[in-house]
Amino acid sequence: MTHQHSQTHHDVDGLGSMALSATLHCLTGCAIGEILGLMIGTAVGLSIGWSAALATALAFLFGYTLSTLPLVKTGLGVGAALSVVFAADTLSIATMEVVDNLVMAVIPGAMEAGLANWVFWISMMLALAAAFAAAFPVNRWLLRRGKGHALTHELHHGDPGEAQGARRFIPNLSSTTLVAAVVAFLLGGLVVSVAVELDSDDVDRRPHAVSPAVTQRVEA
């Protein structure tokens, strides 16, 4: 009885660990796509709606890509890897995108703030945190039924042997590394936006300088 309880506890812990890894992996791709899409939309002057659509499309693209590359490195063909990834990650990414966009829409001024405003970065952090919280139980539910990340786990974490040819150049990026990079980027964006706003406030408080031409006219 004790052995059975210990085995059950071990299985539950393993399921939670896999769900956490799967959710972090999807979150990384979504975050990269969301931020890049909004950066591009801002740079080219897209409307809020089109920027959001671009960000969502790129979130799916990067989410699928980050899951596909490790499978290709193990020797799986690109088409076969994509078919597995589509089946495994679509529901998780879709859940994240729905929640992420909903949170950004609910927070006043979040989408209109722009990349140079701290409101955008704080809102993005809150949106991604909410997306993670929503997607984690989804991934856990899928794993319990042998779906979702379970479809890629055995292929990805098995013994693939030494990668051959161009597959050797596919980097091995852990979820922890990718998440750390995204967190660093979000914090960097927040720091820069706060610095820009403080600098702007400082300029507004300075007395307006009188140009030399005006000074000369006054003296005359």
N, C-alpha and C. Protein backbone atom coordinates (compact mmCIF):
# COMPACT_ATOMS: atom_id res chain seq x y z
N MET A 1 0.83 -1.20 0.00
CA MET A 1 0.00 0.00 0.00
C MET A 1 0.87 1.25 0.00
N THR A 2 1.93 1.20 0.86
CA THR A 2 2.85 2.34 0.93
C THR A 2 3.59 2.51 -0.39
N HIS A 3 4.00 1.37 -0.97
CA HIS A 3 4.70 1.43 -2.26
C HIS A 3 3.81 2.00 -3.35
N GLN A 4 2.53 1.59 -3.34
CA GLN A 4 1.59 2.10 -4.33
C GLN A 4 1.37 3.60 -4.16
N HIS A 5 1.27 4.05 -2.90
CA HIS A 5 1.09 5.48 -2.63
C HIS A 5 2.31 6.26 -3.09
N SER A 6 3.51 5.69 -2.82
CA SER A 6 4.76 6.36 -3.24
C SER A 6 4.84 6.45 -4.75
N GLN A 7 4.43 5.37 -5.43
CA GLN A 7 4.46 5.37 -6.90
C GLN A 7 3.49 6.39 -7.46
N THR A 8 2.30 6.47 -6.84
CA THR A 8 1.30 7.44 -7.29
C THR A 8 1.80 8.86 -7.10
N HIS A 9 2.43 9.10 -5.94
CA HIS A 9 2.98 10.43 -5.65
C HIS A 9 4.07 10.79 -6.65
N HIS A 10 4.90 9.80 -6.99
CA HIS A 10 5.98 10.02 -7.97
C HIS A 10 5.40 10.36 -9.34
N ASP A 11 4.34 9.65 -9.73
CA ASP A 11 3.71 9.90 -11.04
C ASP A 11 3.11 11.30 -11.09
N VAL A 12 2.48 11.71 -9.95
CA VAL A 12 1.87 13.04 -9.90
C VAL A 12 2.95 14.12 -10.02
N ASP A 13 4.06 13.92 -9.29
CA ASP A 13 5.16 14.88 -9.35
C ASP A 13 5.75 14.96 -10.75
N GLY A 14 5.88 13.78 -11.39
CA GLY A 14 6.41 13.75 -12.75
C GLY A 14 5.49 14.44 -13.72
N LEU A 15 4.20 14.25 -13.55
CA LEU A 15 3.21 14.90 -14.42
C LEU A 15 3.27 16.41 -14.26
N GLY A 16 3.37 16.87 -13.01
CA GLY A 16 3.46 18.30 -12.76
C GLY A 16 4.73 18.90 -13.34
N SER A 17 5.84 18.16 -13.23
CA SER A 17 7.11 18.63 -13.77
C SER A 17 7.06 18.75 -15.29
N MET A 18 6.47 17.76 -15.94
CA MET A 18 6.34 17.80 -17.40
C MET A 18 5.40 18.92 -17.83
N ALA A 19 4.31 19.11 -17.07
CA ALA A 19 3.38 20.19 -17.40
C ALA A 19 4.05 21.55 -17.25
N LEU A 20 4.87 21.69 -16.21
CA LEU A 20 5.59 22.94 -15.99
C LEU A 20 6.55 23.20 -17.14
N SER A 21 7.31 22.17 -17.55
CA SER A 21 8.26 22.32 -18.65
C SER A 21 7.54 22.67 -19.95
N ALA A 22 6.43 21.99 -20.23
CA ALA A 22 5.67 22.25 -21.45
C ALA A 22 5.12 23.67 -21.47
N THR A 23 4.62 24.12 -20.32
CA THR A 23 4.03 25.46 -20.24
C THR A 23 5.09 26.54 -20.39
N LEU A 24 6.24 26.35 -19.74
CA LEU A 24 7.34 27.31 -19.88
C LEU A 24 7.83 27.38 -21.32
N HIS A 25 7.86 26.22 -21.97
CA HIS A 25 8.32 26.16 -23.37
C HIS A 25 7.39 26.94 -24.27
N CYS A 26 6.08 26.73 -24.10
CA CYS A 26 5.10 27.46 -24.90
C CYS A 26 5.13 28.95 -24.57
N LEU A 27 5.30 29.26 -23.27
CA LEU A 27 5.31 30.65 -22.85
C LEU A 27 6.47 31.41 -23.49
N THR A 28 7.61 30.76 -23.61
CA THR A 28 8.78 31.40 -24.23
C THR A 28 8.49 31.78 -25.67
N GLY A 29 7.96 30.83 -26.44
CA GLY A 29 7.65 31.13 -27.84
C GLY A 29 6.61 32.22 -27.97
N CYS A 30 5.59 32.16 -27.11
CA CYS A 30 4.53 33.18 -27.15
C CYS A 30 5.08 34.56 -26.81
N ALA A 31 5.93 34.62 -25.79
CA ALA A 31 6.50 35.90 -25.38
C ALA A 31 7.35 36.51 -26.48
N ILE A 32 8.19 35.69 -27.10
CA ILE A 32 9.05 36.19 -28.19
C ILE A 32 8.19 36.72 -29.33
N GLY A 33 7.19 35.93 -29.73
CA GLY A 33 6.32 36.35 -30.82
C GLY A 33 5.52 37.59 -30.50
N GLU A 34 4.97 37.65 -29.28
CA GLU A 34 4.16 38.80 -28.87
C GLU A 34 4.99 40.09 -28.91
N ILE A 35 6.14 40.06 -28.27
CA ILE A 35 6.96 41.27 -28.19
C ILE A 35 7.48 41.67 -29.55
N LEU A 36 7.97 40.70 -30.33
CA LEU A 36 8.48 41.01 -31.67
C LEU A 36 7.38 41.57 -32.56
N GLY A 37 6.19 40.98 -32.49
CA GLY A 37 5.08 41.45 -33.31
C GLY A 37 4.68 42.88 -32.97
N LEU A 38 4.64 43.20 -31.68
CA LEU A 38 4.27 44.56 -31.28
C LEU A 38 5.38 45.55 -31.63
N MET A 39 6.63 45.10 -31.56
CA MET A 39 7.75 45.97 -31.95
C MET A 39 7.68 46.29 -33.44
N ILE A 40 7.42 45.27 -34.25
CA ILE A 40 7.30 45.48 -35.69
C ILE A 40 6.10 46.36 -36.01
N GLY A 41 4.97 46.08 -35.35
CA GLY A 41 3.76 46.87 -35.58
C GLY A 41 3.97 48.33 -35.24
N THR A 42 4.67 48.59 -34.13
CA THR A 42 4.96 49.97 -33.74
C THR A 42 5.90 50.64 -34.73
N ALA A 43 6.91 49.89 -35.18
CA ALA A 43 7.93 50.45 -36.08
C ALA A 43 7.34 50.85 -37.44
N VAL A 44 6.41 50.05 -37.94
CA VAL A 44 5.85 50.33 -39.27
C VAL A 44 4.52 51.08 -39.20
N GLY A 45 4.06 51.39 -37.99
CA GLY A 45 2.86 52.19 -37.84
C GLY A 45 1.55 51.44 -38.04
N LEU A 46 1.52 50.15 -37.69
CA LEU A 46 0.27 49.40 -37.82
C LEU A 46 -0.73 49.82 -36.75
N SER A 47 -1.99 49.60 -37.02
CA SER A 47 -3.03 49.87 -36.02
C SER A 47 -2.91 48.86 -34.89
N ILE A 48 -3.61 49.12 -33.79
CA ILE A 48 -3.55 48.22 -32.64
C ILE A 48 -4.05 46.82 -33.02
N GLY A 49 -5.13 46.78 -33.79
CA GLY A 49 -5.69 45.49 -34.19
C GLY A 49 -4.74 44.67 -35.03
N TRP A 50 -4.11 45.32 -36.03
CA TRP A 50 -3.17 44.61 -36.89
C TRP A 50 -1.91 44.22 -36.14
N SER A 51 -1.47 45.06 -35.21
CA SER A 51 -0.29 44.73 -34.40
C SER A 51 -0.58 43.50 -33.54
N ALA A 52 -1.79 43.45 -32.96
CA ALA A 52 -2.17 42.31 -32.14
C ALA A 52 -2.25 41.03 -32.98
N ALA A 53 -2.78 41.16 -34.19
CA ALA A 53 -2.88 40.00 -35.08
C ALA A 53 -1.50 39.50 -35.47
N LEU A 54 -0.59 40.42 -35.77
CA LEU A 54 0.78 40.04 -36.12
C LEU A 54 1.46 39.38 -34.93
N ALA A 55 1.28 39.94 -33.74
CA ALA A 55 1.90 39.38 -32.54
C ALA A 55 1.39 37.96 -32.28
N THR A 56 0.11 37.74 -32.48
CA THR A 56 -0.47 36.42 -32.26
C THR A 56 0.08 35.41 -33.26
N ALA A 57 0.17 35.82 -34.53
CA ALA A 57 0.70 34.93 -35.57
C ALA A 57 2.15 34.55 -35.27
N LEU A 58 2.94 35.54 -34.86
CA LEU A 58 4.34 35.27 -34.54
C LEU A 58 4.47 34.42 -33.27
N ALA A 59 3.54 34.57 -32.35
CA ALA A 59 3.57 33.74 -31.14
C ALA A 59 3.39 32.26 -31.51
N PHE A 60 2.46 31.96 -32.41
CA PHE A 60 2.29 30.59 -32.88
C PHE A 60 3.54 30.13 -33.63
N LEU A 61 4.09 31.00 -34.48
CA LEU A 61 5.25 30.64 -35.28
C LEU A 61 6.44 30.28 -34.38
N PHE A 62 6.75 31.13 -33.42
CA PHE A 62 7.88 30.86 -32.54
C PHE A 62 7.60 29.70 -31.59
N GLY A 63 6.35 29.58 -31.15
CA GLY A 63 6.00 28.45 -30.29
C GLY A 63 6.21 27.12 -31.01
N TYR A 64 5.73 27.04 -32.25
CA TYR A 64 5.92 25.82 -33.03
C TYR A 64 7.40 25.58 -33.34
N THR A 65 8.11 26.65 -33.68
CA THR A 65 9.51 26.52 -34.06
C THR A 65 10.36 25.99 -32.91
N LEU A 66 10.16 26.55 -31.71
CA LEU A 66 10.94 26.12 -30.56
C LEU A 66 10.69 24.66 -30.18
N SER A 67 9.51 24.15 -30.54
CA SER A 67 9.21 22.75 -30.28
C SER A 67 9.69 21.84 -31.41
N THR A 68 9.74 22.38 -32.62
CA THR A 68 10.12 21.59 -33.78
C THR A 68 11.62 21.35 -33.87
N LEU A 69 12.41 22.37 -33.59
CA LEU A 69 13.86 22.26 -33.76
C LEU A 69 14.49 21.11 -32.97
N PRO A 70 14.14 20.92 -31.68
CA PRO A 70 14.73 19.79 -30.96
C PRO A 70 14.39 18.44 -31.57
N LEU A 71 13.17 18.32 -32.10
CA LEU A 71 12.77 17.05 -32.72
C LEU A 71 13.54 16.81 -34.01
N VAL A 72 13.75 17.87 -34.78
CA VAL A 72 14.54 17.75 -36.01
C VAL A 72 15.97 17.36 -35.67
N LYS A 73 16.49 17.89 -34.58
CA LYS A 73 17.86 17.56 -34.16
C LYS A 73 18.01 16.08 -33.83
N THR A 74 16.92 15.46 -33.34
CA THR A 74 16.98 14.03 -33.02
C THR A 74 16.97 13.16 -34.27
N GLY A 75 16.70 13.77 -35.43
CA GLY A 75 16.70 13.01 -36.67
C GLY A 75 15.34 12.90 -37.32
N LEU A 76 14.31 13.43 -36.68
CA LEU A 76 12.97 13.39 -37.26
C LEU A 76 12.88 14.38 -38.42
N GLY A 77 12.16 14.02 -39.46
CA GLY A 77 11.99 14.91 -40.60
C GLY A 77 11.17 16.14 -40.21
N VAL A 78 11.36 17.23 -40.96
CA VAL A 78 10.67 18.48 -40.63
C VAL A 78 9.16 18.30 -40.68
N GLY A 79 8.66 17.63 -41.73
CA GLY A 79 7.22 17.43 -41.85
C GLY A 79 6.65 16.60 -40.71
N ALA A 80 7.35 15.52 -40.36
CA ALA A 80 6.89 14.66 -39.27
C ALA A 80 6.95 15.41 -37.94
N ALA A 81 8.02 16.18 -37.74
CA ALA A 81 8.16 16.95 -36.50
C ALA A 81 7.05 17.98 -36.38
N LEU A 82 6.74 18.67 -37.48
CA LEU A 82 5.68 19.67 -37.45
C LEU A 82 4.33 19.05 -37.14
N SER A 83 4.06 17.88 -37.70
CA SER A 83 2.77 17.24 -37.45
C SER A 83 2.63 16.88 -35.97
N VAL A 84 3.71 16.44 -35.35
CA VAL A 84 3.68 16.13 -33.92
C VAL A 84 3.49 17.39 -33.10
N VAL A 85 4.21 18.44 -33.47
CA VAL A 85 4.15 19.70 -32.72
C VAL A 85 2.78 20.35 -32.84
N PHE A 86 2.21 20.34 -34.03
CA PHE A 86 0.86 20.90 -34.21
C PHE A 86 -0.13 20.22 -33.28
N ALA A 87 -0.04 18.91 -33.19
CA ALA A 87 -0.96 18.16 -32.35
C ALA A 87 -0.69 18.39 -30.87
N ALA A 88 0.59 18.62 -30.53
CA ALA A 88 0.97 18.72 -29.13
C ALA A 88 0.76 20.11 -28.53
N ASP A 89 1.08 21.15 -29.31
CA ASP A 89 1.18 22.49 -28.72
C ASP A 89 0.06 23.46 -29.08
N THR A 90 -0.76 23.13 -30.04
CA THR A 90 -1.76 24.09 -30.53
C THR A 90 -2.71 24.56 -29.43
N LEU A 91 -3.26 23.64 -28.66
CA LEU A 91 -4.22 24.02 -27.62
C LEU A 91 -3.55 24.87 -26.54
N SER A 92 -2.33 24.51 -26.18
CA SER A 92 -1.60 25.26 -25.15
C SER A 92 -1.31 26.69 -25.61
N ILE A 93 -0.80 26.83 -26.84
CA ILE A 93 -0.49 28.16 -27.37
C ILE A 93 -1.76 28.99 -27.54
N ALA A 94 -2.82 28.35 -28.04
CA ALA A 94 -4.08 29.07 -28.24
C ALA A 94 -4.63 29.58 -26.91
N THR A 95 -4.54 28.75 -25.86
CA THR A 95 -5.00 29.18 -24.53
C THR A 95 -4.22 30.40 -24.06
N MET A 96 -2.91 30.33 -24.23
CA MET A 96 -2.06 31.46 -23.82
C MET A 96 -2.40 32.73 -24.57
N GLU A 97 -2.61 32.62 -25.87
CA GLU A 97 -2.88 33.80 -26.68
C GLU A 97 -4.23 34.43 -26.33
N VAL A 98 -5.23 33.61 -26.08
CA VAL A 98 -6.55 34.15 -25.71
C VAL A 98 -6.44 34.92 -24.39
N VAL A 99 -5.80 34.31 -23.40
CA VAL A 99 -5.69 34.95 -22.08
C VAL A 99 -4.79 36.17 -22.15
N ASP A 100 -3.66 36.05 -22.85
CA ASP A 100 -2.72 37.16 -22.98
C ASP A 100 -3.38 38.39 -23.60
N ASN A 101 -4.05 38.19 -24.72
CA ASN A 101 -4.70 39.30 -25.41
C ASN A 101 -5.86 39.87 -24.60
N LEU A 102 -6.56 39.00 -23.87
CA LEU A 102 -7.67 39.46 -23.04
C LEU A 102 -7.17 40.37 -21.92
N VAL A 103 -6.07 39.96 -21.27
CA VAL A 103 -5.51 40.77 -20.19
C VAL A 103 -5.01 42.12 -20.72
N MET A 104 -4.32 42.09 -21.87
CA MET A 104 -3.83 43.33 -22.46
C MET A 104 -4.97 44.26 -22.84
N ALA A 105 -6.10 43.67 -23.27
CA ALA A 105 -7.25 44.48 -23.66
C ALA A 105 -7.96 45.07 -22.44
N VAL A 106 -7.93 44.33 -21.33
CA VAL A 106 -8.63 44.77 -20.12
C VAL A 106 -7.88 45.89 -19.40
N ILE A 107 -6.56 45.82 -19.39
CA ILE A 107 -5.76 46.84 -18.68
C ILE A 107 -5.85 48.16 -19.46
N PRO A 108 -6.33 49.21 -18.84
CA PRO A 108 -6.50 50.50 -19.55
C PRO A 108 -5.18 51.03 -20.11
N GLY A 109 -5.19 51.31 -21.41
CA GLY A 109 -4.04 51.92 -22.04
C GLY A 109 -2.88 51.01 -22.34
N ALA A 110 -3.01 49.70 -22.09
CA ALA A 110 -1.88 48.79 -22.27
C ALA A 110 -1.45 48.70 -23.73
N MET A 111 -2.41 48.52 -24.64
CA MET A 111 -2.07 48.37 -26.06
C MET A 111 -1.67 49.70 -26.68
N GLU A 112 -2.24 50.80 -26.18
CA GLU A 112 -1.94 52.11 -26.75
C GLU A 112 -0.67 52.72 -26.19
N ALA A 113 -0.13 52.12 -25.11
CA ALA A 113 0.99 52.74 -24.40
C ALA A 113 2.24 52.84 -25.26
N GLY A 114 2.53 51.83 -26.05
CA GLY A 114 3.74 51.85 -26.85
C GLY A 114 4.92 51.28 -26.08
N LEU A 115 5.97 50.91 -26.82
CA LEU A 115 7.10 50.22 -26.23
C LEU A 115 7.93 51.11 -25.32
N ALA A 116 7.82 52.42 -25.44
CA ALA A 116 8.60 53.34 -24.61
C ALA A 116 7.87 53.71 -23.33
N ASN A 117 6.77 53.06 -23.05
CA ASN A 117 5.97 53.36 -21.85
C ASN A 117 6.00 52.17 -20.90
N TRP A 118 6.28 52.43 -19.61
CA TRP A 118 6.38 51.36 -18.63
C TRP A 118 5.06 50.62 -18.46
N VAL A 119 3.94 51.27 -18.77
CA VAL A 119 2.64 50.62 -18.66
C VAL A 119 2.57 49.38 -19.55
N PHE A 120 3.14 49.49 -20.76
CA PHE A 120 3.14 48.36 -21.69
C PHE A 120 3.88 47.16 -21.10
N TRP A 121 5.07 47.39 -20.56
CA TRP A 121 5.90 46.29 -20.07
C TRP A 121 5.31 45.64 -18.83
N ILE A 122 4.77 46.44 -17.92
CA ILE A 122 4.11 45.86 -16.74
C ILE A 122 2.89 45.05 -17.17
N SER A 123 2.13 45.60 -18.11
CA SER A 123 0.94 44.89 -18.61
C SER A 123 1.33 43.58 -19.28
N MET A 124 2.41 43.61 -20.06
CA MET A 124 2.87 42.40 -20.74
C MET A 124 3.29 41.33 -19.73
N MET A 125 3.97 41.74 -18.67
CA MET A 125 4.36 40.79 -17.62
C MET A 125 3.14 40.15 -16.97
N LEU A 126 2.15 40.98 -16.64
CA LEU A 126 0.93 40.47 -16.03
C LEU A 126 0.18 39.54 -16.99
N ALA A 127 0.15 39.92 -18.27
CA ALA A 127 -0.55 39.11 -19.27
C ALA A 127 0.12 37.75 -19.45
N LEU A 128 1.45 37.72 -19.49
CA LEU A 128 2.16 36.46 -19.65
C LEU A 128 2.03 35.58 -18.41
N ALA A 129 2.02 36.21 -17.23
CA ALA A 129 1.82 35.44 -16.00
C ALA A 129 0.43 34.80 -15.98
N ALA A 130 -0.57 35.57 -16.40
CA ALA A 130 -1.93 35.03 -16.45
C ALA A 130 -2.03 33.92 -17.51
N ALA A 131 -1.34 34.10 -18.64
CA ALA A 131 -1.35 33.09 -19.70
C ALA A 131 -0.71 31.79 -19.21
N PHE A 132 0.37 31.92 -18.44
CA PHE A 132 1.03 30.73 -17.88
C PHE A 132 0.08 30.00 -16.92
N ALA A 133 -0.58 30.77 -16.06
CA ALA A 133 -1.49 30.17 -15.08
C ALA A 133 -2.65 29.45 -15.76
N ALA A 134 -3.10 29.98 -16.90
CA ALA A 134 -4.21 29.37 -17.62
C ALA A 134 -3.77 28.13 -18.40
N ALA A 135 -2.55 28.16 -18.95
CA ALA A 135 -2.09 27.06 -19.80
C ALA A 135 -1.57 25.87 -19.01
N PHE A 136 -1.11 26.10 -17.78
CA PHE A 136 -0.55 24.99 -17.00
C PHE A 136 -1.56 23.87 -16.78
N PRO A 137 -2.77 24.15 -16.30
CA PRO A 137 -3.73 23.05 -16.13
C PRO A 137 -4.14 22.41 -17.46
N VAL A 138 -4.11 23.19 -18.53
CA VAL A 138 -4.42 22.63 -19.85
C VAL A 138 -3.37 21.60 -20.24
N ASN A 139 -2.10 21.94 -20.06
CA ASN A 139 -1.02 21.00 -20.38
C ASN A 139 -1.06 19.78 -19.47
N ARG A 140 -1.38 20.00 -18.21
CA ARG A 140 -1.47 18.87 -17.27
C ARG A 140 -2.60 17.93 -17.68
N TRP A 141 -3.73 18.50 -18.09
CA TRP A 141 -4.88 17.69 -18.55
C TRP A 141 -4.51 16.89 -19.80
N LEU A 142 -3.80 17.53 -20.72
CA LEU A 142 -3.39 16.84 -21.95
C LEU A 142 -2.40 15.71 -21.65
N LEU A 143 -1.45 15.98 -20.77
CA LEU A 143 -0.45 14.97 -20.42
C LEU A 143 -1.09 13.75 -19.75
N ARG A 144 -2.08 14.00 -18.92
CA ARG A 144 -2.76 12.91 -18.23
C ARG A 144 -3.44 11.97 -19.21
N ARG A 145 -3.77 12.49 -20.37
CA ARG A 145 -4.43 11.68 -21.40
C ARG A 145 -3.47 11.24 -22.49
N GLY A 146 -2.18 11.43 -22.23
CA GLY A 146 -1.18 10.99 -23.21
C GLY A 146 -1.10 11.86 -24.43
N LYS A 147 -1.57 13.10 -24.31
CA LYS A 147 -1.54 14.01 -25.44
C LYS A 147 -0.65 15.20 -25.11
N GLY A 148 -0.72 16.24 -25.94
CA GLY A 148 0.05 17.44 -25.68
C GLY A 148 1.55 17.17 -25.69
N HIS A 149 2.24 17.67 -24.68
CA HIS A 149 3.69 17.56 -24.61
C HIS A 149 4.16 16.11 -24.50
N ALA A 150 3.27 15.22 -24.09
CA ALA A 150 3.63 13.80 -24.01
C ALA A 150 4.00 13.25 -25.39
N LEU A 151 3.42 13.83 -26.43
CA LEU A 151 3.72 13.37 -27.79
C LEU A 151 5.16 13.67 -28.19
N THR A 152 5.72 14.74 -27.63
CA THR A 152 7.09 15.12 -27.99
C THR A 152 8.10 14.71 -26.92
N HIS A 153 7.64 14.40 -25.72
CA HIS A 153 8.56 14.13 -24.62
C HIS A 153 9.49 12.96 -24.91
N GLU A 154 8.93 11.85 -25.36
CA GLU A 154 9.75 10.66 -25.59
C GLU A 154 10.75 10.89 -26.72
N LEU A 155 10.30 11.58 -27.79
CA LEU A 155 11.20 11.86 -28.91
C LEU A 155 12.31 12.83 -28.50
N HIS A 156 11.93 13.85 -27.75
CA HIS A 156 12.87 14.90 -27.38
C HIS A 156 13.86 14.44 -26.33
N HIS A 157 13.37 13.70 -25.32
CA HIS A 157 14.20 13.35 -24.17
C HIS A 157 14.76 11.93 -24.24
N GLY A 158 14.50 11.26 -25.34
CA GLY A 158 15.10 9.95 -25.51
C GLY A 158 16.58 10.08 -25.86
N ASP A 159 17.19 8.99 -26.23
CA ASP A 159 18.61 9.00 -26.62
C ASP A 159 18.70 9.09 -28.14
N PRO A 160 18.86 10.29 -28.69
CA PRO A 160 18.83 10.44 -30.13
C PRO A 160 20.14 10.10 -30.81
N GLY A 161 21.20 9.90 -30.00
CA GLY A 161 22.51 9.68 -30.61
C GLY A 161 23.10 11.00 -31.07
N GLU A 162 24.20 10.93 -31.75
CA GLU A 162 24.87 12.14 -32.20
C GLU A 162 24.19 12.70 -33.44
N ALA A 163 23.88 14.00 -33.41
CA ALA A 163 23.24 14.65 -34.55
C ALA A 163 24.18 14.65 -35.75
N GLN A 164 23.61 14.48 -36.92
CA GLN A 164 24.40 14.41 -38.14
C GLN A 164 24.11 15.58 -39.05
N GLY A 165 25.08 15.93 -39.90
CA GLY A 165 24.88 16.96 -40.91
C GLY A 165 24.54 18.31 -40.31
N ALA A 166 23.59 19.00 -40.98
CA ALA A 166 23.21 20.34 -40.53
C ALA A 166 22.53 20.32 -39.17
N ARG A 167 22.02 19.15 -38.76
CA ARG A 167 21.35 19.07 -37.46
C ARG A 167 22.31 19.35 -36.30
N ARG A 168 23.60 19.20 -36.55
CA ARG A 168 24.59 19.48 -35.50
C ARG A 168 24.56 20.93 -35.06
N PHE A 169 24.11 21.82 -35.96
CA PHE A 169 24.14 23.25 -35.66
C PHE A 169 22.87 23.77 -34.98
N ILE A 170 21.89 22.88 -34.79
CA ILE A 170 20.69 23.28 -34.07
C ILE A 170 21.04 23.38 -32.58
N PRO A 171 20.88 24.54 -31.97
CA PRO A 171 21.29 24.70 -30.56
C PRO A 171 20.39 23.93 -29.61
N ASN A 172 20.98 23.49 -28.51
CA ASN A 172 20.22 22.86 -27.43
C ASN A 172 19.88 23.93 -26.39
N LEU A 173 18.71 24.50 -26.50
CA LEU A 173 18.30 25.57 -25.59
C LEU A 173 17.24 25.03 -24.64
N SER A 174 17.58 24.99 -23.38
CA SER A 174 16.62 24.50 -22.39
C SER A 174 15.54 25.54 -22.15
N SER A 175 14.42 25.08 -21.60
CA SER A 175 13.33 26.01 -21.29
C SER A 175 13.79 27.06 -20.28
N THR A 176 14.63 26.63 -19.33
CA THR A 176 15.12 27.56 -18.31
C THR A 176 15.93 28.69 -18.94
N THR A 177 16.79 28.33 -19.90
CA THR A 177 17.60 29.34 -20.58
C THR A 177 16.73 30.32 -21.36
N LEU A 178 15.75 29.79 -22.08
CA LEU A 178 14.88 30.63 -22.89
C LEU A 178 14.02 31.55 -22.02
N VAL A 179 13.49 31.00 -20.93
CA VAL A 179 12.66 31.81 -20.03
C VAL A 179 13.51 32.90 -19.38
N ALA A 180 14.74 32.56 -18.99
CA ALA A 180 15.63 33.56 -18.38
C ALA A 180 15.91 34.70 -19.36
N ALA A 181 16.08 34.35 -20.64
CA ALA A 181 16.33 35.37 -21.66
C ALA A 181 15.12 36.28 -21.84
N VAL A 182 13.92 35.69 -21.85
CA VAL A 182 12.70 36.48 -22.01
C VAL A 182 12.48 37.39 -20.81
N VAL A 183 12.69 36.87 -19.60
CA VAL A 183 12.54 37.68 -18.38
C VAL A 183 13.52 38.85 -18.39
N ALA A 184 14.76 38.56 -18.80
CA ALA A 184 15.77 39.62 -18.87
C ALA A 184 15.37 40.69 -19.87
N PHE A 185 14.79 40.26 -21.00
CA PHE A 185 14.37 41.21 -22.03
C PHE A 185 13.21 42.06 -21.52
N LEU A 186 12.24 41.44 -20.84
CA LEU A 186 11.11 42.18 -20.29
C LEU A 186 11.57 43.21 -19.26
N LEU A 187 12.46 42.78 -18.37
CA LEU A 187 12.97 43.70 -17.36
C LEU A 187 13.79 44.82 -18.00
N GLY A 188 14.56 44.46 -19.05
CA GLY A 188 15.33 45.48 -19.76
C GLY A 188 14.42 46.51 -20.42
N GLY A 189 13.33 46.04 -21.04
CA GLY A 189 12.38 46.95 -21.65
C GLY A 189 11.73 47.86 -20.62
N LEU A 190 11.42 47.30 -19.46
CA LEU A 190 10.82 48.09 -18.38
C LEU A 190 11.78 49.17 -17.89
N VAL A 191 13.03 48.79 -17.69
CA VAL A 191 14.04 49.74 -17.20
C VAL A 191 14.24 50.87 -18.20
N VAL A 192 14.35 50.52 -19.48
CA VAL A 192 14.57 51.53 -20.52
C VAL A 192 13.37 52.47 -20.60
N SER A 193 12.15 51.92 -20.54
CA SER A 193 10.95 52.77 -20.64
C SER A 193 10.84 53.72 -19.45
N VAL A 194 11.20 53.23 -18.25
CA VAL A 194 11.17 54.10 -17.08
C VAL A 194 12.22 55.20 -17.22
N ALA A 195 13.42 54.84 -17.72
CA ALA A 195 14.48 55.83 -17.91
C ALA A 195 14.06 56.90 -18.91
N VAL A 196 13.39 56.47 -20.00
CA VAL A 196 12.92 57.42 -21.01
C VAL A 196 11.90 58.38 -20.42
N GLU A 197 10.98 57.85 -19.62
CA GLU A 197 9.95 58.70 -19.02
C GLU A 197 10.56 59.68 -18.01
N LEU A 198 11.51 59.21 -17.21
CA LEU A 198 12.17 60.09 -16.25
C LEU A 198 12.95 61.19 -16.95
N ASP A 199 13.60 60.83 -18.05
CA ASP A 199 14.36 61.82 -18.82
C ASP A 199 13.42 62.85 -19.44
N SER A 200 12.27 62.38 -19.93
CA SER A 200 11.29 63.28 -20.52
C SER A 200 10.73 64.24 -19.48
N ASP A 201 10.46 63.73 -18.26
CA ASP A 201 9.97 64.59 -17.18
C ASP A 201 11.02 65.62 -16.78
N ASP A 202 12.29 65.21 -16.80
CA ASP A 202 13.37 66.11 -16.43
C ASP A 202 13.50 67.25 -17.42
N VAL A 203 13.34 66.91 -18.71
CA VAL A 203 13.40 67.93 -19.77
C VAL A 203 12.26 68.92 -19.62
N ASP A 204 11.06 68.41 -19.29
CA ASP A 204 9.90 69.28 -19.15
C ASP A 204 10.05 70.26 -17.97
N ARG A 205 10.80 69.84 -16.95
CA ARG A 205 10.96 70.69 -15.78
C ARG A 205 12.03 71.77 -15.97
N ARG A 206 12.91 71.58 -16.95
CA ARG A 206 13.97 72.56 -17.16
C ARG A 206 13.40 73.87 -17.69
N PRO A 207 13.99 75.01 -17.27
CA PRO A 207 13.55 76.30 -17.84
C PRO A 207 13.94 76.36 -19.31
N HIS A 208 13.06 76.93 -20.11
CA HIS A 208 13.34 77.01 -21.54
C HIS A 208 14.51 77.94 -21.79
N ALA A 209 15.50 77.43 -22.50
CA ALA A 209 16.69 78.24 -22.81
C ALA A 209 16.34 79.29 -23.85
N VAL A 210 16.92 80.46 -23.70
CA VAL A 210 16.70 81.54 -24.67
C VAL A 210 17.79 81.45 -25.73
N SER A 211 17.39 81.43 -26.99
CA SER A 211 18.35 81.30 -28.06
C SER A 211 19.21 82.55 -28.17
N PRO A 212 20.46 82.43 -28.69
CA PRO A 212 21.35 83.57 -28.83
C PRO A 212 20.74 84.67 -29.69
N ALA A 213 19.99 84.31 -30.71
CA ALA A 213 19.41 85.32 -31.60
C ALA A 213 18.41 86.18 -30.85
N VAL A 214 17.61 85.55 -29.98
CA VAL A 214 16.64 86.31 -29.20
C VAL A 214 17.37 87.20 -28.23
N THR A 215 18.43 86.71 -27.61
CA THR A 215 19.20 87.50 -26.66
C THR A 215 19.77 88.76 -27.32
N GLN A 216 20.28 88.58 -28.53
CA GLN A 216 20.85 89.72 -29.25
C GLN A 216 19.79 90.75 -29.55
N ARG A 217 18.58 90.31 -29.92
CA ARG A 217 17.49 91.25 -30.25
C ARG A 217 17.09 92.03 -29.00
N VAL A 218 17.08 91.33 -27.84
CA VAL A 218 16.68 91.99 -26.60
C VAL A 218 17.72 93.05 -26.20
N GLU A 219 19.00 92.69 -26.34
CA GLU A 219 20.06 93.63 -25.99
C GLU A 219 20.06 94.86 -26.90
N ALA A 220 19.70 94.64 -28.18
CA ALA A 220 19.66 95.76 -29.13
C ALA A 220 18.55 96.73 -28.76
